[in-house]
Amino acid sequence: MLDTLSKATFAALAHSGSLKTLASRFGMRHPHSFARRFVAGETMDEAIAAARTIERQGMAVTLDHLGEQVTDRDAAMAATRCYIDIIKAAAAAGISRNLSIKLTQIGLDIDRATCIDHLRRVLDAATVSDFFIRIDMEGSDYTDETFETFNNVWNLGCRNVGLVIQSCLKRSTDDVRRLNEMGVRVRLVKGAYREPKEVAFQRKEEVDDHFIELMQVLLTSGTYPAIATHDPAIIDTTRTFAVSRALGMNAFEFQMLYGIRRDLQRSLAAQGYPFRVYVPFGREWYPYFMRRLGERPANVGFVLKSLAREERED
């Protein structure tokens, strides 16, 4: 119940214009500002610098340019061009060629045809630079459209693209089995959005149990799945299951978000597991940041301490 209330509270705060303005003032102002714990910065240069630091520690990265729910055609086209520029800049910098993308950022809220056209432009640029594109899964209102858009480009022969599945959604068991049959690379997450009980599990235990069930299906019959969790118990369960099935470490990879459980990130990488860190950046960082707080209320204490420190420095 506490998890549900937390997500609901922070989902509401994520849409607060006044709080977004306040956060924009303080959030990225100093190198050690509170938001920089979870967001690499607002610019591509900052993202590249963060990626290089992570890669020096033996881990790979996925760049995650923040932004969603774009309803203006010019803005959707601008976001598409930005993704293409990110691909070129990351290739030139020599960092991991892996990129996360939200379909509502490139026009899904306008119409599917616009989104598919923009996605194909990004995938074409990714092909030239040997990039892998991971389509993020947003709120459940977008799940069907996300699958339909993905299926469109997959059926056109695009294979440098994968999809995210959320264990909080009840439908995900069928979705994972279908994606496995297609040979799609799946990233498994718990899910950060507040969802209605008709479509999603509400209790943490149910979400965790479904995650483990999906993890086992992915490791058994998936295509290089990404197990994206910060939960030590689920990580241990994943490792034990992989050993029981005589799976090598390179059969899958662990993933975590930038700034969360950095000790565990380094530990898993040091043990030889392929490990990838999602590196979020961009000016539209506030909604993402609020979802991170909603996922783990303990993060709130860290933020409040940082805010108090910054106000003393004014």
C-alpha atoms as a PDB file:
ATOM      1  CA  MET A   1       0.000   0.000   0.000  1.00  0.00           C
ATOM      2  CA  LEU A   2       2.844   2.369   0.848  1.00  0.00           C
ATOM      3  CA  ASP A   3       4.407   1.731  -2.573  1.00  0.00           C
ATOM      4  CA  THR A   4       1.114   2.599  -4.303  1.00  0.00           C
ATOM      5  CA  LEU A   5       0.676   5.796  -2.282  1.00  0.00           C
ATOM      6  CA  SER A   6       4.265   6.784  -2.957  1.00  0.00           C
ATOM      7  CA  LYS A   7       3.876   6.358  -6.702  1.00  0.00           C
ATOM      8  CA  ALA A   8       0.580   8.254  -6.664  1.00  0.00           C
ATOM      9  CA  THR A   9       2.051  11.149  -4.702  1.00  0.00           C
ATOM     10  CA  PHE A  10       5.118  11.536  -6.880  1.00  0.00           C
ATOM     11  CA  ALA A  11       3.125  11.055 -10.072  1.00  0.00           C
ATOM     12  CA  ALA A  12       1.061  14.079  -9.049  1.00  0.00           C
ATOM     13  CA  LEU A  13       4.152  16.087  -8.138  1.00  0.00           C
ATOM     14  CA  ALA A  14       5.702  15.242 -11.510  1.00  0.00           C
ATOM     15  CA  HIS A  15       3.001  17.330 -13.199  1.00  0.00           C
ATOM     16  CA  SER A  16       3.362  20.343 -10.907  1.00  0.00           C
ATOM     17  CA  GLY A  17       4.479  23.363 -12.923  1.00  0.00           C
ATOM     18  CA  SER A  18       5.595  25.352  -9.884  1.00  0.00           C
ATOM     19  CA  LEU A  19       7.700  22.498  -8.518  1.00  0.00           C
ATOM     20  CA  LYS A  20       9.210  21.916 -11.951  1.00  0.00           C
ATOM     21  CA  THR A  21      10.225  25.588 -12.075  1.00  0.00           C
ATOM     22  CA  LEU A  22      11.771  25.368  -8.607  1.00  0.00           C
ATOM     23  CA  ALA A  23      13.551  22.140  -9.461  1.00  0.00           C
ATOM     24  CA  SER A  24      14.901  23.652 -12.676  1.00  0.00           C
ATOM     25  CA  ARG A  25      16.426  26.440 -10.623  1.00  0.00           C
ATOM     26  CA  PHE A  26      18.230  24.204  -8.154  1.00  0.00           C
ATOM     27  CA  GLY A  27      18.346  20.749  -9.686  1.00  0.00           C
ATOM     28  CA  MET A  28      21.364  21.014 -11.991  1.00  0.00           C
ATOM     29  CA  ARG A  29      22.978  24.186 -10.742  1.00  0.00           C
ATOM     30  CA  HIS A  30      25.935  22.679  -8.895  1.00  0.00           C
ATOM     31  CA  PRO A  31      28.054  19.612  -9.730  1.00  0.00           C
ATOM     32  CA  HIS A  32      26.738  17.933  -6.574  1.00  0.00           C
ATOM     33  CA  SER A  33      23.121  19.145  -6.786  1.00  0.00           C
ATOM     34  CA  PHE A  34      20.393  16.745  -5.714  1.00  0.00           C
ATOM     35  CA  ALA A  35      19.147  15.791  -9.189  1.00  0.00           C
ATOM     36  CA  ARG A  36      22.628  14.949 -10.422  1.00  0.00           C
ATOM     37  CA  ARG A  37      22.535  11.863  -8.239  1.00  0.00           C
ATOM     38  CA  PHE A  38      20.062  10.373 -10.728  1.00  0.00           C
ATOM     39  CA  VAL A  39      20.506  12.496 -13.890  1.00  0.00           C
ATOM     40  CA  ALA A  40      23.845  12.879 -15.672  1.00  0.00           C
ATOM     41  CA  GLY A  41      23.138  16.455 -16.762  1.00  0.00           C
ATOM     42  CA  GLU A  42      21.242  18.474 -19.313  1.00  0.00           C
ATOM     43  CA  THR A  43      23.664  18.272 -22.255  1.00  0.00           C
ATOM     44  CA  MET A  44      25.169  15.613 -24.490  1.00  0.00           C
ATOM     45  CA  ASP A  45      28.661  16.573 -23.331  1.00  0.00           C
ATOM     46  CA  GLU A  46      27.672  15.846 -19.723  1.00  0.00           C
ATOM     47  CA  ALA A  47      26.167  12.509 -20.745  1.00  0.00           C
ATOM     48  CA  ILE A  48      29.327  11.519 -22.611  1.00  0.00           C
ATOM     49  CA  ALA A  49      31.480  12.468 -19.607  1.00  0.00           C
ATOM     50  CA  ALA A  50      29.284  10.349 -17.308  1.00  0.00           C
ATOM     51  CA  ALA A  51      29.378   7.446 -19.769  1.00  0.00           C
ATOM     52  CA  ARG A  52      33.163   7.506 -19.920  1.00  0.00           C
ATOM     53  CA  THR A  53      33.398   7.404 -16.132  1.00  0.00           C
ATOM     54  CA  ILE A  54      31.091   4.389 -16.020  1.00  0.00           C
ATOM     55  CA  GLU A  55      32.918   2.588 -18.817  1.00  0.00           C
ATOM     56  CA  ARG A  56      36.242   3.050 -17.028  1.00  0.00           C
ATOM     57  CA  GLN A  57      34.693   0.949 -14.237  1.00  0.00           C
ATOM     58  CA  GLY A  58      34.071  -1.927 -16.638  1.00  0.00           C
ATOM     59  CA  MET A  59      30.400  -1.290 -17.395  1.00  0.00           C
ATOM     60  CA  ALA A  60      28.503  -0.394 -20.568  1.00  0.00           C
ATOM     61  CA  VAL A  61      25.894   2.367 -20.887  1.00  0.00           C
ATOM     62  CA  THR A  62      22.618   3.192 -22.548  1.00  0.00           C
ATOM     63  CA  LEU A  63      21.965   6.841 -23.253  1.00  0.00           C
ATOM     64  CA  ASP A  64      18.494   7.981 -22.244  1.00  0.00           C
ATOM     65  CA  HIS A  65      17.506  11.409 -23.581  1.00  0.00           C
ATOM     66  CA  LEU A  66      14.669  12.503 -21.311  1.00  0.00           C
ATOM     67  CA  GLY A  67      11.355  13.763 -22.608  1.00  0.00           C
ATOM     68  CA  GLU A  68       7.868  12.405 -23.259  1.00  0.00           C
ATOM     69  CA  GLN A  69       4.277  13.164 -24.301  1.00  0.00           C
ATOM     70  CA  VAL A  70       5.150  15.587 -27.090  1.00  0.00           C
ATOM     71  CA  THR A  71       2.013  16.776 -28.905  1.00  0.00           C
ATOM     72  CA  ASP A  72       3.486  19.377 -31.263  1.00  0.00           C
ATOM     73  CA  ARG A  73       4.655  18.150 -34.701  1.00  0.00           C
ATOM     74  CA  ASP A  74       7.638  20.481 -34.839  1.00  0.00           C
ATOM     75  CA  ALA A  75       8.726  19.421 -31.351  1.00  0.00           C
ATOM     76  CA  ALA A  76       8.416  15.738 -32.276  1.00  0.00           C
ATOM     77  CA  MET A  77      10.544  16.293 -35.373  1.00  0.00           C
ATOM     78  CA  ALA A  78      13.071  18.231 -33.302  1.00  0.00           C
ATOM     79  CA  ALA A  79      13.265  15.326 -30.828  1.00  0.00           C
ATOM     80  CA  THR A  80      13.838  12.933 -33.731  1.00  0.00           C
ATOM     81  CA  ARG A  81      16.682  15.068 -35.063  1.00  0.00           C
ATOM     82  CA  CYS A  82      18.099  15.240 -31.548  1.00  0.00           C
ATOM     83  CA  TYR A  83      18.194  11.437 -31.334  1.00  0.00           C
ATOM     84  CA  ILE A  84      20.023  11.274 -34.653  1.00  0.00           C
ATOM     85  CA  ASP A  85      22.514  13.854 -33.390  1.00  0.00           C
ATOM     86  CA  ILE A  86      22.988  11.832 -30.191  1.00  0.00           C
ATOM     87  CA  ILE A  87      23.786   8.728 -32.244  1.00  0.00           C
ATOM     88  CA  LYS A  88      26.400  10.630 -34.245  1.00  0.00           C
ATOM     89  CA  ALA A  89      27.924  12.266 -31.160  1.00  0.00           C
ATOM     90  CA  ALA A  90      28.114   9.012 -29.187  1.00  0.00           C
ATOM     91  CA  ALA A  91      29.698   7.196 -32.127  1.00  0.00           C
ATOM     92  CA  ALA A  92      32.263   9.961 -32.516  1.00  0.00           C
ATOM     93  CA  ALA A  93      33.005   9.861 -28.775  1.00  0.00           C
ATOM     94  CA  GLY A  94      33.556   6.110 -28.874  1.00  0.00           C
ATOM     95  CA  ILE A  95      31.147   5.247 -26.059  1.00  0.00           C
ATOM     96  CA  SER A  96      28.612   2.396 -25.914  1.00  0.00           C
ATOM     97  CA  ARG A  97      26.320   2.367 -28.929  1.00  0.00           C
ATOM     98  CA  ASN A  98      23.060   1.852 -27.126  1.00  0.00           C
ATOM     99  CA  LEU A  99      20.136   4.261 -26.909  1.00  0.00           C
ATOM    100  CA  SER A 100      16.769   4.305 -25.141  1.00  0.00           C
ATOM    101  CA  ILE A 101      13.812   6.069 -26.749  1.00  0.00           C
ATOM    102  CA  LYS A 102      10.250   6.946 -25.693  1.00  0.00           C
ATOM    103  CA  LEU A 103       7.714   6.862 -28.505  1.00  0.00           C
ATOM    104  CA  THR A 104       5.631   9.714 -27.091  1.00  0.00           C
ATOM    105  CA  GLN A 105       8.702  11.919 -27.432  1.00  0.00           C
ATOM    106  CA  ILE A 106       8.746  11.416 -31.209  1.00  0.00           C
ATOM    107  CA  GLY A 107       5.058  11.741 -31.963  1.00  0.00           C
ATOM    108  CA  LEU A 108       2.967   8.818 -30.675  1.00  0.00           C
ATOM    109  CA  ASP A 109       0.521  11.291 -29.096  1.00  0.00           C
ATOM    110  CA  ILE A 110       0.148  12.981 -32.491  1.00  0.00           C
ATOM    111  CA  ASP A 111      -0.563   9.852 -34.537  1.00  0.00           C
ATOM    112  CA  ARG A 112       1.047   6.482 -35.073  1.00  0.00           C
ATOM    113  CA  ALA A 113       2.066   7.195 -38.668  1.00  0.00           C
ATOM    114  CA  THR A 114       4.123  10.203 -37.553  1.00  0.00           C
ATOM    115  CA  CYS A 115       5.731   8.173 -34.788  1.00  0.00           C
ATOM    116  CA  ILE A 116       6.601   5.283 -37.120  1.00  0.00           C
ATOM    117  CA  ASP A 117       8.134   7.652 -39.647  1.00  0.00           C
ATOM    118  CA  HIS A 118      10.274   9.298 -36.975  1.00  0.00           C
ATOM    119  CA  LEU A 119      11.250   5.953 -35.444  1.00  0.00           C
ATOM    120  CA  ARG A 120      12.383   4.656 -38.833  1.00  0.00           C
ATOM    121  CA  ARG A 121      14.584   7.743 -39.256  1.00  0.00           C
ATOM    122  CA  VAL A 122      16.228   7.023 -35.904  1.00  0.00           C
ATOM    123  CA  LEU A 123      16.648   3.321 -36.700  1.00  0.00           C
ATOM    124  CA  ASP A 124      18.173   4.135 -40.104  1.00  0.00           C
ATOM    125  CA  ALA A 125      20.723   6.414 -38.423  1.00  0.00           C
ATOM    126  CA  ALA A 126      21.333   3.730 -35.792  1.00  0.00           C
ATOM    127  CA  THR A 127      22.005   1.131 -38.485  1.00  0.00           C
ATOM    128  CA  VAL A 128      24.660   3.309 -40.105  1.00  0.00           C
ATOM    129  CA  SER A 129      26.469   3.706 -36.767  1.00  0.00           C
ATOM    130  CA  ASP A 130      25.833   0.150 -35.504  1.00  0.00           C
ATOM    131  CA  PHE A 131      23.577   1.314 -32.632  1.00  0.00           C
ATOM    132  CA  PHE A 132      21.011  -0.709 -30.729  1.00  0.00           C
ATOM    133  CA  ILE A 133      17.758   1.106 -29.922  1.00  0.00           C
ATOM    134  CA  ARG A 134      15.617   0.100 -26.947  1.00  0.00           C
ATOM    135  CA  ILE A 135      12.008   1.298 -27.072  1.00  0.00           C
ATOM    136  CA  ASP A 136      10.873   2.223 -23.578  1.00  0.00           C
ATOM    137  CA  MET A 137       7.492   1.098 -22.279  1.00  0.00           C
ATOM    138  CA  GLU A 138       5.460   3.994 -20.908  1.00  0.00           C
ATOM    139  CA  GLY A 139       2.155   3.969 -19.019  1.00  0.00           C
ATOM    140  CA  SER A 140      -0.353   1.200 -19.753  1.00  0.00           C
ATOM    141  CA  ASP A 141      -2.464   3.566 -21.878  1.00  0.00           C
ATOM    142  CA  TYR A 142       0.350   3.324 -24.444  1.00  0.00           C
ATOM    143  CA  THR A 143       1.130  -0.393 -24.270  1.00  0.00           C
ATOM    144  CA  ASP A 144      -0.950  -1.524 -27.264  1.00  0.00           C
ATOM    145  CA  GLU A 145       0.214   1.361 -29.443  1.00  0.00           C
ATOM    146  CA  THR A 146       3.818   0.743 -28.433  1.00  0.00           C
ATOM    147  CA  PHE A 147       3.541  -2.896 -29.492  1.00  0.00           C
ATOM    148  CA  GLU A 148       1.853  -1.992 -32.770  1.00  0.00           C
ATOM    149  CA  THR A 149       4.549   0.566 -33.578  1.00  0.00           C
ATOM    150  CA  PHE A 150       7.290  -1.888 -32.660  1.00  0.00           C
ATOM    151  CA  ASN A 151       5.721  -4.643 -34.759  1.00  0.00           C
ATOM    152  CA  ASN A 152       5.553  -2.290 -37.735  1.00  0.00           C
ATOM    153  CA  VAL A 153       9.301  -1.600 -37.812  1.00  0.00           C
ATOM    154  CA  TRP A 154      10.151  -5.207 -36.904  1.00  0.00           C
ATOM    155  CA  ASN A 155       8.082  -6.473 -39.838  1.00  0.00           C
ATOM    156  CA  LEU A 156       9.978  -4.057 -42.077  1.00  0.00           C
ATOM    157  CA  GLY A 157      13.147  -5.937 -41.163  1.00  0.00           C
ATOM    158  CA  CYS A 158      14.575  -3.715 -38.423  1.00  0.00           C
ATOM    159  CA  ARG A 159      16.530  -5.901 -36.015  1.00  0.00           C
ATOM    160  CA  ASN A 160      18.586  -3.292 -34.166  1.00  0.00           C
ATOM    161  CA  VAL A 161      15.642  -2.609 -31.871  1.00  0.00           C
ATOM    162  CA  GLY A 162      14.322  -4.128 -28.637  1.00  0.00           C
ATOM    163  CA  LEU A 163      11.515  -3.519 -26.193  1.00  0.00           C
ATOM    164  CA  VAL A 164      10.925  -3.014 -22.464  1.00  0.00           C
ATOM    165  CA  ILE A 165       8.460  -5.168 -20.515  1.00  0.00           C
ATOM    166  CA  GLN A 166       7.053  -4.226 -17.082  1.00  0.00           C
ATOM    167  CA  SER A 167       6.397  -6.950 -14.541  1.00  0.00           C
ATOM    168  CA  CYS A 168       3.725  -4.837 -12.847  1.00  0.00           C
ATOM    169  CA  LEU A 169       1.418  -5.390 -15.834  1.00  0.00           C
ATOM    170  CA  LYS A 170      -0.678  -8.563 -15.761  1.00  0.00           C
ATOM    171  CA  ARG A 171      -0.466  -8.988 -19.549  1.00  0.00           C
ATOM    172  CA  SER A 172       3.333  -9.225 -19.576  1.00  0.00           C
ATOM    173  CA  THR A 173       3.512 -13.024 -19.380  1.00  0.00           C
ATOM    174  CA  ASP A 174       1.860 -13.353 -22.793  1.00  0.00           C
ATOM    175  CA  ASP A 175       3.863 -10.419 -24.170  1.00  0.00           C
ATOM    176  CA  VAL A 176       7.197 -11.943 -23.136  1.00  0.00           C
ATOM    177  CA  ARG A 177       6.369 -15.317 -24.671  1.00  0.00           C
ATOM    178  CA  ARG A 178       5.390 -13.668 -27.950  1.00  0.00           C
ATOM    179  CA  LEU A 179       8.543 -11.535 -28.043  1.00  0.00           C
ATOM    180  CA  ASN A 180      10.696 -14.572 -27.283  1.00  0.00           C
ATOM    181  CA  GLU A 181       9.166 -16.395 -30.250  1.00  0.00           C
ATOM    182  CA  MET A 182      10.036 -13.399 -32.458  1.00  0.00           C
ATOM    183  CA  GLY A 183      13.618 -13.266 -31.175  1.00  0.00           C
ATOM    184  CA  VAL A 184      13.257  -9.765 -29.731  1.00  0.00           C
ATOM    185  CA  ARG A 185      15.708  -8.566 -27.098  1.00  0.00           C
ATOM    186  CA  VAL A 186      13.670  -7.718 -23.989  1.00  0.00           C
ATOM    187  CA  ARG A 187      14.576  -5.469 -21.085  1.00  0.00           C
ATOM    188  CA  LEU A 188      12.646  -6.529 -17.983  1.00  0.00           C
ATOM    189  CA  VAL A 189      11.722  -3.889 -15.383  1.00  0.00           C
ATOM    190  CA  LYS A 190       9.213  -3.677 -12.558  1.00  0.00           C
ATOM    191  CA  GLY A 191       7.556  -0.483 -13.844  1.00  0.00           C
ATOM    192  CA  ALA A 192       7.578   3.069 -12.515  1.00  0.00           C
ATOM    193  CA  TYR A 193       4.062   4.240 -13.450  1.00  0.00           C
ATOM    194  CA  ARG A 194       0.982   4.264 -11.263  1.00  0.00           C
ATOM    195  CA  GLU A 195      -1.397   1.806 -12.925  1.00  0.00           C
ATOM    196  CA  PRO A 196      -5.038   0.797 -12.262  1.00  0.00           C
ATOM    197  CA  LYS A 197      -5.720  -2.523 -10.541  1.00  0.00           C
ATOM    198  CA  GLU A 198      -7.561  -3.795 -13.601  1.00  0.00           C
ATOM    199  CA  VAL A 199      -4.318  -4.050 -15.568  1.00  0.00           C
ATOM    200  CA  ALA A 200      -1.550  -4.086 -12.972  1.00  0.00           C
ATOM    201  CA  PHE A 201      -0.528  -5.765  -9.752  1.00  0.00           C
ATOM    202  CA  GLN A 202      -0.787  -3.387  -6.805  1.00  0.00           C
ATOM    203  CA  ARG A 203       1.268  -5.174  -4.161  1.00  0.00           C
ATOM    204  CA  LYS A 204       5.064  -5.217  -4.251  1.00  0.00           C
ATOM    205  CA  GLU A 205       5.141  -8.945  -3.574  1.00  0.00           C
ATOM    206  CA  GLU A 206       2.994  -9.614  -6.638  1.00  0.00           C
ATOM    207  CA  VAL A 207       5.153  -7.413  -8.868  1.00  0.00           C
ATOM    208  CA  ASP A 208       8.306  -9.120  -7.571  1.00  0.00           C
ATOM    209  CA  ASP A 209       6.891 -12.620  -8.057  1.00  0.00           C
ATOM    210  CA  HIS A 210       5.841 -11.764 -11.611  1.00  0.00           C
ATOM    211  CA  PHE A 211       9.295 -10.306 -12.289  1.00  0.00           C
ATOM    212  CA  ILE A 212      10.923 -13.571 -11.212  1.00  0.00           C
ATOM    213  CA  GLU A 213       8.498 -15.586 -13.339  1.00  0.00           C
ATOM    214  CA  LEU A 214       9.246 -13.441 -16.397  1.00  0.00           C
ATOM    215  CA  MET A 215      12.985 -13.512 -15.696  1.00  0.00           C
ATOM    216  CA  GLN A 216      12.932 -17.305 -15.760  1.00  0.00           C
ATOM    217  CA  VAL A 217      11.048 -17.377 -19.065  1.00  0.00           C
ATOM    218  CA  LEU A 218      13.470 -14.873 -20.576  1.00  0.00           C
ATOM    219  CA  LEU A 219      16.598 -16.693 -19.409  1.00  0.00           C
ATOM    220  CA  THR A 220      15.179 -20.005 -20.618  1.00  0.00           C
ATOM    221  CA  SER A 221      13.980 -18.983 -24.076  1.00  0.00           C
ATOM    222  CA  GLY A 222      14.754 -15.289 -24.631  1.00  0.00           C
ATOM    223  CA  THR A 223      17.300 -13.515 -26.808  1.00  0.00           C
ATOM    224  CA  TYR A 224      20.038 -11.947 -24.659  1.00  0.00           C
ATOM    225  CA  PRO A 225      17.588 -10.503 -22.100  1.00  0.00           C
ATOM    226  CA  ALA A 226      18.368  -7.527 -19.878  1.00  0.00           C
ATOM    227  CA  ILE A 227      17.402  -8.014 -16.228  1.00  0.00           C
ATOM    228  CA  ALA A 228      16.932  -4.466 -14.970  1.00  0.00           C
ATOM    229  CA  THR A 229      16.522  -4.318 -11.201  1.00  0.00           C
ATOM    230  CA  HIS A 230      18.158  -2.809  -8.123  1.00  0.00           C
ATOM    231  CA  ASP A 231      16.678  -5.484  -5.848  1.00  0.00           C
ATOM    232  CA  PRO A 232      19.507  -7.613  -4.352  1.00  0.00           C
ATOM    233  CA  ALA A 233      17.147 -10.525  -3.609  1.00  0.00           C
ATOM    234  CA  ILE A 234      15.921 -10.691  -7.205  1.00  0.00           C
ATOM    235  CA  ILE A 235      19.489 -10.372  -8.483  1.00  0.00           C
ATOM    236  CA  ASP A 236      20.522 -13.326  -6.315  1.00  0.00           C
ATOM    237  CA  THR A 237      17.506 -15.303  -7.557  1.00  0.00           C
ATOM    238  CA  THR A 238      18.481 -14.529 -11.147  1.00  0.00           C
ATOM    239  CA  ARG A 239      22.055 -15.657 -10.599  1.00  0.00           C
ATOM    240  CA  THR A 240      20.946 -18.871  -8.889  1.00  0.00           C
ATOM    241  CA  PHE A 241      18.493 -19.661 -11.674  1.00  0.00           C
ATOM    242  CA  ALA A 242      21.135 -19.038 -14.344  1.00  0.00           C
ATOM    243  CA  VAL A 243      23.530 -21.419 -12.607  1.00  0.00           C
ATOM    244  CA  SER A 244      20.798 -24.060 -12.260  1.00  0.00           C
ATOM    245  CA  ARG A 245      20.260 -23.909 -16.030  1.00  0.00           C
ATOM    246  CA  ALA A 246      24.009 -23.945 -16.746  1.00  0.00           C
ATOM    247  CA  LEU A 247      23.768 -20.537 -18.413  1.00  0.00           C
ATOM    248  CA  GLY A 248      27.001 -18.650 -18.896  1.00  0.00           C
ATOM    249  CA  MET A 249      27.383 -15.104 -17.618  1.00  0.00           C
ATOM    250  CA  ASN A 250      27.206 -13.799 -21.195  1.00  0.00           C
ATOM    251  CA  ALA A 251      23.724 -15.250 -21.775  1.00  0.00           C
ATOM    252  CA  PHE A 252      22.123 -12.125 -20.308  1.00  0.00           C
ATOM    253  CA  GLU A 253      23.032  -8.794 -18.754  1.00  0.00           C
ATOM    254  CA  PHE A 254      22.110  -6.921 -15.616  1.00  0.00           C
ATOM    255  CA  GLN A 255      21.041  -3.291 -15.867  1.00  0.00           C
ATOM    256  CA  MET A 256      20.513  -0.492 -13.373  1.00  0.00           C
ATOM    257  CA  LEU A 257      19.765   3.207 -13.466  1.00  0.00           C
ATOM    258  CA  TYR A 258      22.388   5.899 -13.109  1.00  0.00           C
ATOM    259  CA  GLY A 259      23.085   6.807  -9.494  1.00  0.00           C
ATOM    260  CA  ILE A 260      21.176   3.936  -7.873  1.00  0.00           C
ATOM    261  CA  ARG A 261      22.990   1.177  -5.954  1.00  0.00           C
ATOM    262  CA  ARG A 262      26.364   2.134  -7.384  1.00  0.00           C
ATOM    263  CA  ASP A 263      28.073  -0.259  -4.985  1.00  0.00           C
ATOM    264  CA  LEU A 264      26.033  -3.167  -6.325  1.00  0.00           C
ATOM    265  CA  GLN A 265      26.676  -2.065  -9.901  1.00  0.00           C
ATOM    266  CA  ARG A 266      30.429  -2.172  -9.432  1.00  0.00           C
ATOM    267  CA  SER A 267      30.249  -5.471  -7.538  1.00  0.00           C
ATOM    268  CA  LEU A 268      28.324  -7.295 -10.281  1.00  0.00           C
ATOM    269  CA  ALA A 269      30.580  -5.916 -12.996  1.00  0.00           C
ATOM    270  CA  ALA A 270      33.666  -6.975 -11.014  1.00  0.00           C
ATOM    271  CA  GLN A 271      32.269 -10.521 -10.793  1.00  0.00           C
ATOM    272  CA  GLY A 272      32.215 -10.671 -14.593  1.00  0.00           C
ATOM    273  CA  TYR A 273      28.518 -10.158 -15.320  1.00  0.00           C
ATOM    274  CA  PRO A 274      27.783  -8.019 -18.391  1.00  0.00           C
ATOM    275  CA  PHE A 275      26.428  -4.834 -16.853  1.00  0.00           C
ATOM    276  CA  ARG A 276      24.785  -1.758 -18.347  1.00  0.00           C
ATOM    277  CA  VAL A 277      23.903   1.564 -16.712  1.00  0.00           C
ATOM    278  CA  TYR A 278      21.070   3.690 -18.070  1.00  0.00           C
ATOM    279  CA  VAL A 279      22.393   7.261 -18.302  1.00  0.00           C
ATOM    280  CA  PRO A 280      19.506   9.774 -18.382  1.00  0.00           C
ATOM    281  CA  PHE A 281      20.135  13.358 -19.446  1.00  0.00           C
ATOM    282  CA  GLY A 282      18.374  16.365 -20.935  1.00  0.00           C
ATOM    283  CA  ARG A 283      16.416  19.427 -19.927  1.00  0.00           C
ATOM    284  CA  GLU A 284      13.177  17.482 -19.371  1.00  0.00           C
ATOM    285  CA  TRP A 285      14.594  15.615 -16.389  1.00  0.00           C
ATOM    286  CA  TYR A 286      12.031  16.580 -13.738  1.00  0.00           C
ATOM    287  CA  PRO A 287       9.253  13.954 -14.438  1.00  0.00           C
ATOM    288  CA  TYR A 288      11.874  11.198 -14.620  1.00  0.00           C
ATOM    289  CA  PHE A 289      13.409  12.375 -11.355  1.00  0.00           C
ATOM    290  CA  MET A 290      10.054  12.333  -9.566  1.00  0.00           C
ATOM    291  CA  ARG A 291       9.390   8.763 -10.732  1.00  0.00           C
ATOM    292  CA  ARG A 292      12.723   7.693  -9.241  1.00  0.00           C
ATOM    293  CA  LEU A 293      11.693   9.190  -5.906  1.00  0.00           C
ATOM    294  CA  GLY A 294       8.338   7.436  -6.122  1.00  0.00           C
ATOM    295  CA  GLU A 295      10.022   4.088  -6.712  1.00  0.00           C
ATOM    296  CA  ARG A 296      12.209   4.371  -3.636  1.00  0.00           C
ATOM    297  CA  PRO A 297      10.990   6.789  -0.921  1.00  0.00           C
ATOM    298  CA  ALA A 298      14.337   6.473   0.884  1.00  0.00           C
ATOM    299  CA  ASN A 299      15.728   8.676  -1.873  1.00  0.00           C
ATOM    300  CA  VAL A 300      13.652  11.574  -0.524  1.00  0.00           C
ATOM    301  CA  GLY A 301      15.918  11.959   2.495  1.00  0.00           C
ATOM    302  CA  PHE A 302      18.925  12.299   0.222  1.00  0.00           C
ATOM    303  CA  VAL A 303      17.174  15.022  -1.792  1.00  0.00           C
ATOM    304  CA  LEU A 304      16.064  16.995   1.277  1.00  0.00           C
ATOM    305  CA  LYS A 305      19.598  16.999   2.659  1.00  0.00           C
ATOM    306  CA  SER A 306      20.927  18.207  -0.685  1.00  0.00           C
ATOM    307  CA  LEU A 307      18.350  21.003  -0.877  1.00  0.00           C
ATOM    308  CA  ALA A 308      19.204  22.163   2.645  1.00  0.00           C
ATOM    309  CA  ARG A 309      22.897  22.247   1.731  1.00  0.00           C
ATOM    310  CA  GLU A 310      22.269  24.251  -1.432  1.00  0.00           C
ATOM    311  CA  GLU A 311      20.089  26.815   0.354  1.00  0.00           C
ATOM    312  CA  ARG A 312      22.891  27.354   2.902  1.00  0.00           C
ATOM    313  CA  GLU A 313      25.279  27.984   0.013  1.00  0.00           C
ATOM    314  CA  ASP A 314      23.062  30.729  -1.499  1.00  0.00           C
END
